[in-house]
Amino acid sequence: MSKENIKTIVRKVDVSTYINLKRNCIARGMPFEQIINGDFPRLNGWLHKNVANKINIGLLEEYDDLVDSMLTDENLKHPTLRTSYTGERAEEQKLKIPKVEVKEPVVPKEKDDNGIIKGTKKSYVISLVQRGYDIAKVIHKTQRRFPDAKDKSIKIWARKALKDT
């Protein structure tokens, strides 16, 4: 193979990440022990020398089986860590993909003429005061409709509504 052909092949090899570099070295026949003990410069040097070797994708799964047999902790084994992740074995192993809950868009709450959200205790108190009810009657009607309403809050809202009107 001429030097020009080797240079074009070297340009086309994706070694942007360590895992891609490992995949290229494995597929071209680098011994597994050298891959396990190798760092980025060693793998890159070996790949540069052997870039013209024939690619054998089956070696990726053999390497993954070797690494899986070496790992003792099951938590360390994950399909995405396999070099042959995009192969057929990755399809056999079902991945747990977290479900993304689709949130419904928040509908803005309706406001009344006073700028207070409709259907609230405060809105109800202000509407009663604007209709002309006295504070005792407002407290009675509000507590009947909203049993958890406090007298003190109702009085504060009613006095404020009386001032504004």
N, C-alpha and C. Protein backbone atom coordinates (compact mmCIF):
# COMPACT_ATOMS: atom_id res chain seq x y z
N MET A 1 0.85 -1.17 0.00
CA MET A 1 0.00 0.00 0.00
C MET A 1 0.90 1.24 0.00
N SER A 2 0.55 2.21 -0.82
CA SER A 2 1.39 3.40 -0.93
C SER A 2 1.19 4.31 0.28
N LYS A 3 2.14 5.23 0.45
CA LYS A 3 2.07 6.14 1.59
C LYS A 3 0.87 7.06 1.48
N GLU A 4 0.48 7.44 0.26
CA GLU A 4 -0.68 8.32 0.08
C GLU A 4 -1.97 7.61 0.53
N ASN A 5 -2.11 6.34 0.20
CA ASN A 5 -3.29 5.59 0.61
C ASN A 5 -3.35 5.48 2.13
N ILE A 6 -2.21 5.24 2.76
CA ILE A 6 -2.17 5.13 4.22
C ILE A 6 -2.55 6.47 4.85
N LYS A 7 -2.08 7.58 4.28
CA LYS A 7 -2.40 8.90 4.83
C LYS A 7 -3.90 9.18 4.74
N THR A 8 -4.55 8.78 3.64
CA THR A 8 -5.99 9.02 3.53
C THR A 8 -6.76 8.16 4.52
N ILE A 9 -6.28 6.92 4.73
CA ILE A 9 -6.94 6.05 5.71
C ILE A 9 -6.78 6.63 7.11
N VAL A 10 -5.58 7.12 7.43
CA VAL A 10 -5.33 7.71 8.75
C VAL A 10 -6.24 8.90 8.97
N ARG A 11 -6.46 9.70 7.97
CA ARG A 11 -7.34 10.87 8.11
C ARG A 11 -8.78 10.45 8.38
N LYS A 12 -9.20 9.31 7.82
CA LYS A 12 -10.59 8.87 7.95
C LYS A 12 -10.86 8.15 9.27
N VAL A 13 -9.83 7.68 9.97
CA VAL A 13 -10.00 6.96 11.22
C VAL A 13 -10.40 7.95 12.31
N ASP A 14 -11.47 7.63 13.02
CA ASP A 14 -11.97 8.51 14.08
C ASP A 14 -11.29 8.15 15.40
N VAL A 15 -10.39 9.00 15.85
CA VAL A 15 -9.72 8.80 17.14
C VAL A 15 -9.95 10.02 18.02
N SER A 16 -11.13 10.62 17.91
CA SER A 16 -11.43 11.82 18.68
C SER A 16 -11.62 11.51 20.16
N THR A 17 -12.00 10.28 20.48
CA THR A 17 -12.17 9.91 21.88
C THR A 17 -11.38 8.63 22.15
N TYR A 18 -11.12 8.38 23.41
CA TYR A 18 -10.35 7.21 23.82
C TYR A 18 -11.07 5.92 23.43
N ILE A 19 -12.40 5.89 23.59
CA ILE A 19 -13.16 4.67 23.27
C ILE A 19 -13.12 4.39 21.78
N ASN A 20 -13.17 5.44 20.94
CA ASN A 20 -13.08 5.24 19.49
C ASN A 20 -11.70 4.73 19.10
N LEU A 21 -10.68 5.24 19.76
CA LEU A 21 -9.32 4.77 19.50
C LEU A 21 -9.19 3.30 19.87
N LYS A 22 -9.76 2.92 21.04
CA LYS A 22 -9.73 1.51 21.45
C LYS A 22 -10.47 0.63 20.45
N ARG A 23 -11.61 1.09 19.99
CA ARG A 23 -12.39 0.31 19.02
C ARG A 23 -11.58 0.08 17.74
N ASN A 24 -10.91 1.12 17.26
CA ASN A 24 -10.12 0.98 16.04
C ASN A 24 -8.96 0.02 16.24
N CYS A 25 -8.31 0.09 17.39
CA CYS A 25 -7.18 -0.82 17.66
C CYS A 25 -7.66 -2.26 17.79
N ILE A 26 -8.76 -2.48 18.49
CA ILE A 26 -9.29 -3.83 18.66
C ILE A 26 -9.68 -4.42 17.30
N ALA A 27 -10.40 -3.63 16.51
CA ALA A 27 -10.88 -4.12 15.22
C ALA A 27 -9.73 -4.44 14.26
N ARG A 28 -8.59 -3.82 14.43
CA ARG A 28 -7.44 -4.06 13.55
C ARG A 28 -6.49 -5.12 14.10
N GLY A 29 -6.83 -5.72 15.25
CA GLY A 29 -6.08 -6.87 15.72
C GLY A 29 -5.04 -6.63 16.79
N MET A 30 -5.09 -5.54 17.51
CA MET A 30 -4.13 -5.30 18.59
C MET A 30 -4.39 -6.32 19.70
N PRO A 31 -3.34 -6.92 20.27
CA PRO A 31 -3.55 -7.88 21.37
C PRO A 31 -4.28 -7.23 22.54
N PHE A 32 -5.17 -8.01 23.16
CA PHE A 32 -6.03 -7.47 24.21
C PHE A 32 -5.25 -6.97 25.42
N GLU A 33 -4.16 -7.67 25.77
CA GLU A 33 -3.36 -7.22 26.92
C GLU A 33 -2.76 -5.85 26.68
N GLN A 34 -2.33 -5.61 25.45
CA GLN A 34 -1.76 -4.29 25.13
C GLN A 34 -2.84 -3.21 25.18
N ILE A 35 -4.04 -3.55 24.81
CA ILE A 35 -5.14 -2.57 24.86
C ILE A 35 -5.47 -2.23 26.30
N ILE A 36 -5.53 -3.25 27.15
CA ILE A 36 -5.87 -3.02 28.56
C ILE A 36 -4.79 -2.19 29.24
N ASN A 37 -3.52 -2.47 28.95
CA ASN A 37 -2.41 -1.75 29.57
C ASN A 37 -2.03 -0.48 28.84
N GLY A 38 -2.57 -0.26 27.65
CA GLY A 38 -2.16 0.87 26.83
C GLY A 38 -2.86 2.16 27.20
N ASP A 39 -2.14 3.24 26.98
CA ASP A 39 -2.72 4.57 27.16
C ASP A 39 -2.92 5.19 25.77
N PHE A 40 -3.38 6.41 25.74
CA PHE A 40 -3.74 7.04 24.48
C PHE A 40 -2.54 7.11 23.51
N PRO A 41 -1.36 7.57 23.93
CA PRO A 41 -0.24 7.63 22.97
C PRO A 41 0.18 6.26 22.43
N ARG A 42 0.20 5.24 23.28
CA ARG A 42 0.58 3.90 22.81
C ARG A 42 -0.44 3.35 21.82
N LEU A 43 -1.72 3.49 22.14
CA LEU A 43 -2.75 3.02 21.22
C LEU A 43 -2.70 3.78 19.90
N ASN A 44 -2.51 5.07 19.99
CA ASN A 44 -2.46 5.90 18.79
C ASN A 44 -1.25 5.52 17.93
N GLY A 45 -0.09 5.28 18.54
CA GLY A 45 1.11 4.86 17.80
C GLY A 45 0.90 3.51 17.12
N TRP A 46 0.32 2.56 17.85
CA TRP A 46 0.06 1.24 17.27
C TRP A 46 -0.90 1.35 16.10
N LEU A 47 -1.96 2.15 16.27
CA LEU A 47 -2.95 2.31 15.20
C LEU A 47 -2.33 2.95 13.97
N HIS A 48 -1.43 3.92 14.18
CA HIS A 48 -0.79 4.59 13.06
C HIS A 48 0.05 3.61 12.26
N LYS A 49 0.71 2.68 12.94
CA LYS A 49 1.55 1.68 12.26
C LYS A 49 0.71 0.61 11.58
N ASN A 50 -0.45 0.29 12.14
CA ASN A 50 -1.26 -0.83 11.66
C ASN A 50 -2.60 -0.40 11.06
N VAL A 51 -2.67 0.81 10.57
CA VAL A 51 -3.93 1.33 10.06
C VAL A 51 -4.39 0.58 8.82
N ALA A 52 -3.48 -0.04 8.10
CA ALA A 52 -3.84 -0.75 6.88
C ALA A 52 -4.34 -2.17 7.15
N ASN A 53 -4.28 -2.64 8.40
CA ASN A 53 -4.77 -3.98 8.72
C ASN A 53 -6.25 -4.10 8.43
N LYS A 54 -6.66 -5.32 8.12
CA LYS A 54 -8.06 -5.59 7.83
C LYS A 54 -8.89 -5.46 9.12
N ILE A 55 -10.08 -4.91 9.01
CA ILE A 55 -10.94 -4.69 10.17
C ILE A 55 -11.79 -5.93 10.43
N ASN A 56 -11.78 -6.40 11.68
CA ASN A 56 -12.57 -7.55 12.10
C ASN A 56 -13.45 -7.10 13.28
N ILE A 57 -14.72 -6.84 13.00
CA ILE A 57 -15.65 -6.33 14.02
C ILE A 57 -15.91 -7.37 15.11
N GLY A 58 -15.78 -8.65 14.81
CA GLY A 58 -16.02 -9.71 15.79
C GLY A 58 -15.08 -9.63 16.98
N LEU A 59 -13.91 -9.03 16.79
CA LEU A 59 -12.96 -8.90 17.90
C LEU A 59 -13.49 -7.98 19.00
N LEU A 60 -14.37 -7.04 18.65
CA LEU A 60 -14.92 -6.13 19.65
C LEU A 60 -15.70 -6.91 20.71
N GLU A 61 -16.53 -7.85 20.27
CA GLU A 61 -17.31 -8.64 21.23
C GLU A 61 -16.43 -9.58 22.04
N GLU A 62 -15.37 -10.12 21.41
CA GLU A 62 -14.44 -10.97 22.15
C GLU A 62 -13.75 -10.17 23.25
N TYR A 63 -13.36 -8.94 22.92
CA TYR A 63 -12.72 -8.07 23.92
C TYR A 63 -13.70 -7.76 25.06
N ASP A 64 -14.94 -7.46 24.72
CA ASP A 64 -15.94 -7.15 25.74
C ASP A 64 -16.18 -8.35 26.66
N ASP A 65 -16.21 -9.55 26.09
CA ASP A 65 -16.38 -10.75 26.91
C ASP A 65 -15.21 -10.92 27.86
N LEU A 66 -14.00 -10.65 27.38
CA LEU A 66 -12.81 -10.76 28.22
C LEU A 66 -12.87 -9.76 29.38
N VAL A 67 -13.24 -8.51 29.08
CA VAL A 67 -13.33 -7.48 30.12
C VAL A 67 -14.44 -7.82 31.11
N ASP A 68 -15.57 -8.32 30.63
CA ASP A 68 -16.66 -8.71 31.52
C ASP A 68 -16.25 -9.83 32.46
N SER A 69 -15.46 -10.77 31.94
CA SER A 69 -15.02 -11.88 32.80
C SER A 69 -14.01 -11.39 33.84
N MET A 70 -13.29 -10.32 33.54
CA MET A 70 -12.31 -9.78 34.48
C MET A 70 -12.98 -8.96 35.58
N LEU A 71 -14.12 -8.35 35.29
CA LEU A 71 -14.82 -7.53 36.27
C LEU A 71 -15.60 -8.42 37.24
N THR A 72 -15.46 -8.15 38.52
CA THR A 72 -16.16 -8.95 39.52
C THR A 72 -17.43 -8.27 40.01
N ASP A 73 -17.43 -6.95 40.06
CA ASP A 73 -18.58 -6.21 40.57
C ASP A 73 -19.60 -6.02 39.46
N GLU A 74 -20.84 -6.44 39.70
CA GLU A 74 -21.89 -6.32 38.69
C GLU A 74 -22.24 -4.87 38.40
N ASN A 75 -22.00 -3.97 39.37
CA ASN A 75 -22.32 -2.56 39.16
C ASN A 75 -21.42 -1.92 38.12
N LEU A 76 -20.24 -2.51 37.90
CA LEU A 76 -19.32 -1.96 36.92
C LEU A 76 -19.67 -2.37 35.49
N LYS A 77 -20.48 -3.40 35.35
CA LYS A 77 -20.86 -3.90 34.03
C LYS A 77 -22.10 -3.15 33.56
N HIS A 78 -21.97 -2.50 32.42
CA HIS A 78 -23.10 -1.77 31.85
C HIS A 78 -22.97 -1.82 30.34
N PRO A 79 -24.06 -2.03 29.62
CA PRO A 79 -23.97 -2.18 28.17
C PRO A 79 -23.33 -0.97 27.46
N THR A 80 -23.51 0.22 27.99
CA THR A 80 -22.94 1.38 27.31
C THR A 80 -21.44 1.46 27.43
N LEU A 81 -20.84 0.69 28.35
CA LEU A 81 -19.40 0.68 28.50
C LEU A 81 -18.74 -0.33 27.56
N ARG A 82 -19.52 -1.13 26.89
CA ARG A 82 -18.96 -2.11 25.97
C ARG A 82 -18.47 -1.41 24.71
N THR A 83 -17.36 -1.88 24.17
CA THR A 83 -16.84 -1.29 22.93
C THR A 83 -17.72 -1.66 21.75
N SER A 84 -18.44 -2.76 21.87
CA SER A 84 -19.33 -3.18 20.78
C SER A 84 -20.77 -2.77 21.08
N TYR A 85 -20.96 -1.65 21.71
CA TYR A 85 -22.28 -1.20 22.16
C TYR A 85 -23.26 -1.08 21.00
N THR A 86 -22.79 -0.70 19.84
CA THR A 86 -23.70 -0.54 18.71
C THR A 86 -23.93 -1.86 17.97
N GLY A 87 -23.32 -2.94 18.43
CA GLY A 87 -23.46 -4.24 17.77
C GLY A 87 -24.76 -4.92 18.12
N GLU A 88 -24.89 -6.19 17.72
CA GLU A 88 -26.12 -6.95 17.94
C GLU A 88 -26.33 -7.28 19.41
N ARG A 89 -25.25 -7.46 20.16
CA ARG A 89 -25.39 -7.83 21.56
C ARG A 89 -26.01 -6.69 22.36
N ALA A 90 -25.81 -5.47 21.93
CA ALA A 90 -26.40 -4.33 22.65
C ALA A 90 -27.92 -4.35 22.50
N GLU A 91 -28.41 -4.86 21.37
CA GLU A 91 -29.85 -4.94 21.18
C GLU A 91 -30.45 -6.02 22.06
N GLU A 92 -29.70 -7.11 22.29
CA GLU A 92 -30.20 -8.18 23.14
C GLU A 92 -30.34 -7.73 24.58
N GLN A 93 -29.39 -6.94 25.04
CA GLN A 93 -29.44 -6.46 26.42
C GLN A 93 -30.34 -5.24 26.47
N LYS A 94 -31.39 -5.35 27.24
CA LYS A 94 -32.34 -4.25 27.30
C LYS A 94 -31.80 -3.18 28.22
N LEU A 95 -31.74 -1.98 27.69
CA LEU A 95 -31.26 -0.85 28.48
C LEU A 95 -32.42 -0.23 29.23
N LYS A 96 -32.14 0.24 30.42
CA LYS A 96 -33.15 0.94 31.19
C LYS A 96 -33.03 2.42 30.87
N ILE A 97 -33.93 2.89 30.05
CA ILE A 97 -33.93 4.29 29.67
C ILE A 97 -34.95 5.01 30.54
N PRO A 98 -34.51 6.04 31.25
CA PRO A 98 -35.46 6.73 32.11
C PRO A 98 -36.55 7.40 31.29
N LYS A 99 -37.78 7.26 31.77
CA LYS A 99 -38.90 7.87 31.07
C LYS A 99 -38.98 9.34 31.42
N VAL A 100 -39.12 10.13 30.40
CA VAL A 100 -39.22 11.57 30.59
C VAL A 100 -40.70 11.92 30.64
N GLU A 101 -41.08 12.52 31.74
CA GLU A 101 -42.47 12.90 31.89
C GLU A 101 -42.72 14.18 31.10
N VAL A 102 -43.74 14.14 30.28
CA VAL A 102 -44.08 15.31 29.49
C VAL A 102 -44.97 16.19 30.35
N LYS A 103 -44.48 17.38 30.59
CA LYS A 103 -45.25 18.31 31.42
C LYS A 103 -46.17 19.13 30.53
N GLU A 104 -47.38 19.26 31.01
CA GLU A 104 -48.33 20.09 30.28
C GLU A 104 -47.98 21.56 30.51
N PRO A 105 -48.18 22.37 29.52
CA PRO A 105 -47.85 23.78 29.71
C PRO A 105 -48.73 24.40 30.81
N VAL A 106 -48.14 25.27 31.58
CA VAL A 106 -48.85 25.90 32.68
C VAL A 106 -49.82 26.94 32.11
N VAL A 107 -51.08 26.77 32.47
CA VAL A 107 -52.11 27.70 32.02
C VAL A 107 -52.15 28.85 33.01
N PRO A 108 -52.02 30.08 32.55
CA PRO A 108 -52.08 31.19 33.49
C PRO A 108 -53.47 31.26 34.14
N LYS A 109 -53.47 31.54 35.44
CA LYS A 109 -54.72 31.57 36.19
C LYS A 109 -55.46 32.87 35.89
N GLU A 110 -56.77 32.73 35.86
CA GLU A 110 -57.59 33.89 35.57
C GLU A 110 -57.62 34.84 36.76
N LYS A 111 -57.58 36.13 36.46
CA LYS A 111 -57.63 37.13 37.51
C LYS A 111 -58.89 37.96 37.36
N ASP A 112 -59.39 38.43 38.48
CA ASP A 112 -60.60 39.26 38.44
C ASP A 112 -60.21 40.72 38.20
N ASP A 113 -61.19 41.62 38.35
CA ASP A 113 -60.96 43.05 38.08
C ASP A 113 -59.93 43.67 39.03
N ASN A 114 -59.79 43.11 40.22
CA ASN A 114 -58.86 43.67 41.21
C ASN A 114 -57.44 43.13 41.04
N GLY A 115 -57.24 42.21 40.10
CA GLY A 115 -55.92 41.63 39.89
C GLY A 115 -55.62 40.46 40.80
N ILE A 116 -56.65 39.90 41.40
CA ILE A 116 -56.50 38.76 42.31
C ILE A 116 -57.03 37.51 41.59
N ILE A 117 -56.40 36.39 41.83
CA ILE A 117 -56.78 35.15 41.16
C ILE A 117 -58.21 34.77 41.56
N LYS A 118 -59.00 34.43 40.55
CA LYS A 118 -60.39 34.06 40.79
C LYS A 118 -60.49 32.76 41.55
N GLY A 119 -61.51 32.65 42.41
CA GLY A 119 -61.76 31.43 43.14
C GLY A 119 -61.02 31.31 44.45
N THR A 120 -60.27 32.33 44.82
CA THR A 120 -59.55 32.27 46.09
C THR A 120 -60.37 32.92 47.20
N LYS A 121 -59.94 32.67 48.44
CA LYS A 121 -60.63 33.27 49.60
C LYS A 121 -60.58 34.79 49.53
N LYS A 122 -59.41 35.29 49.18
CA LYS A 122 -59.21 36.73 49.14
C LYS A 122 -60.12 37.37 48.10
N SER A 123 -60.21 36.75 46.93
CA SER A 123 -61.08 37.27 45.88
C SER A 123 -62.54 37.27 46.32
N TYR A 124 -62.93 36.21 47.00
CA TYR A 124 -64.31 36.09 47.47
C TYR A 124 -64.63 37.18 48.50
N VAL A 125 -63.69 37.41 49.43
CA VAL A 125 -63.88 38.43 50.47
C VAL A 125 -64.03 39.81 49.81
N ILE A 126 -63.16 40.12 48.87
CA ILE A 126 -63.19 41.44 48.23
C ILE A 126 -64.49 41.62 47.45
N SER A 127 -64.95 40.56 46.78
CA SER A 127 -66.21 40.68 46.03
C SER A 127 -67.40 40.91 46.98
N LEU A 128 -67.38 40.25 48.16
CA LEU A 128 -68.46 40.46 49.13
C LEU A 128 -68.45 41.89 49.66
N VAL A 129 -67.27 42.41 49.94
CA VAL A 129 -67.16 43.79 50.45
C VAL A 129 -67.65 44.77 49.40
N GLN A 130 -67.30 44.51 48.13
CA GLN A 130 -67.73 45.42 47.06
C GLN A 130 -69.24 45.37 46.85
N ARG A 131 -69.87 44.26 47.23
CA ARG A 131 -71.33 44.17 47.13
C ARG A 131 -72.02 44.89 48.28
N GLY A 132 -71.24 45.29 49.31
CA GLY A 132 -71.80 46.07 50.39
C GLY A 132 -72.04 45.32 51.69
N TYR A 133 -71.57 44.12 51.84
CA TYR A 133 -71.74 43.37 53.09
C TYR A 133 -70.81 43.93 54.17
N ASP A 134 -71.28 43.88 55.42
CA ASP A 134 -70.42 44.31 56.52
C ASP A 134 -69.44 43.18 56.87
N ILE A 135 -68.43 43.48 57.71
CA ILE A 135 -67.34 42.55 57.98
C ILE A 135 -67.87 41.26 58.64
N ALA A 136 -68.82 41.34 59.55
CA ALA A 136 -69.33 40.15 60.23
C ALA A 136 -70.00 39.20 59.23
N LYS A 137 -70.79 39.76 58.32
CA LYS A 137 -71.46 38.95 57.31
C LYS A 137 -70.45 38.35 56.34
N VAL A 138 -69.40 39.13 55.99
CA VAL A 138 -68.34 38.65 55.08
C VAL A 138 -67.62 37.46 55.72
N ILE A 139 -67.30 37.58 57.01
CA ILE A 139 -66.62 36.49 57.72
C ILE A 139 -67.49 35.24 57.72
N HIS A 140 -68.78 35.42 58.02
CA HIS A 140 -69.70 34.28 58.08
C HIS A 140 -69.80 33.58 56.71
N LYS A 141 -70.02 34.35 55.64
CA LYS A 141 -70.17 33.76 54.30
C LYS A 141 -68.86 33.11 53.83
N THR A 142 -67.74 33.76 54.13
CA THR A 142 -66.44 33.22 53.68
C THR A 142 -66.14 31.91 54.40
N GLN A 143 -66.40 31.85 55.71
CA GLN A 143 -66.12 30.62 56.45
C GLN A 143 -67.08 29.50 56.06
N ARG A 144 -68.23 29.85 55.61
CA ARG A 144 -69.17 28.84 55.15
C ARG A 144 -68.67 28.21 53.83
N ARG A 145 -68.14 29.07 52.96
CA ARG A 145 -67.64 28.59 51.67
C ARG A 145 -66.25 27.98 51.79
N PHE A 146 -65.39 28.58 52.62
CA PHE A 146 -64.02 28.09 52.84
C PHE A 146 -63.86 27.82 54.33
N PRO A 147 -64.09 26.60 54.80
CA PRO A 147 -64.04 26.30 56.23
C PRO A 147 -62.67 26.52 56.87
N ASP A 148 -61.62 26.48 56.09
CA ASP A 148 -60.28 26.65 56.66
C ASP A 148 -59.84 28.11 56.71
N ALA A 149 -60.73 29.05 56.34
CA ALA A 149 -60.38 30.47 56.34
C ALA A 149 -60.30 31.00 57.78
N LYS A 150 -59.29 31.82 58.03
CA LYS A 150 -59.07 32.39 59.37
C LYS A 150 -59.75 33.77 59.46
N ASP A 151 -60.32 34.05 60.64
CA ASP A 151 -60.99 35.33 60.88
C ASP A 151 -60.06 36.51 60.64
N LYS A 152 -58.84 36.37 61.14
CA LYS A 152 -57.89 37.47 61.06
C LYS A 152 -57.59 37.84 59.60
N SER A 153 -57.38 36.82 58.76
CA SER A 153 -57.09 37.07 57.34
C SER A 153 -58.29 37.72 56.66
N ILE A 154 -59.46 37.24 56.98
CA ILE A 154 -60.67 37.79 56.35
C ILE A 154 -60.84 39.25 56.73
N LYS A 155 -60.58 39.58 58.01
CA LYS A 155 -60.71 40.97 58.46
C LYS A 155 -59.70 41.86 57.74
N ILE A 156 -58.46 41.37 57.58
CA ILE A 156 -57.43 42.16 56.90
C ILE A 156 -57.84 42.43 55.45
N TRP A 157 -58.30 41.38 54.75
CA TRP A 157 -58.70 41.55 53.36
C TRP A 157 -59.91 42.47 53.23
N ALA A 158 -60.85 42.34 54.18
CA ALA A 158 -62.06 43.16 54.12
C ALA A 158 -61.73 44.63 54.37
N ARG A 159 -60.87 44.91 55.35
CA ARG A 159 -60.48 46.31 55.61
C ARG A 159 -59.75 46.91 54.43
N LYS A 160 -58.88 46.13 53.82
CA LYS A 160 -58.15 46.63 52.65
C LYS A 160 -59.12 46.92 51.53
N ALA A 161 -60.11 46.04 51.33
CA ALA A 161 -61.10 46.25 50.27
C ALA A 161 -61.95 47.47 50.55
N LEU A 162 -62.25 47.72 51.84
CA LEU A 162 -63.03 48.92 52.20
C LEU A 162 -62.25 50.18 51.90
N LYS A 163 -60.92 50.15 52.16
CA LYS A 163 -60.09 51.32 51.85
C LYS A 163 -60.02 51.60 50.38
N ASP A 164 -59.92 50.54 49.57
CA ASP A 164 -59.77 50.71 48.12
C ASP A 164 -61.06 51.17 47.46
N THR A 165 -62.22 50.87 48.07
CA THR A 165 -63.47 51.25 47.42
C THR A 165 -63.95 52.60 47.83
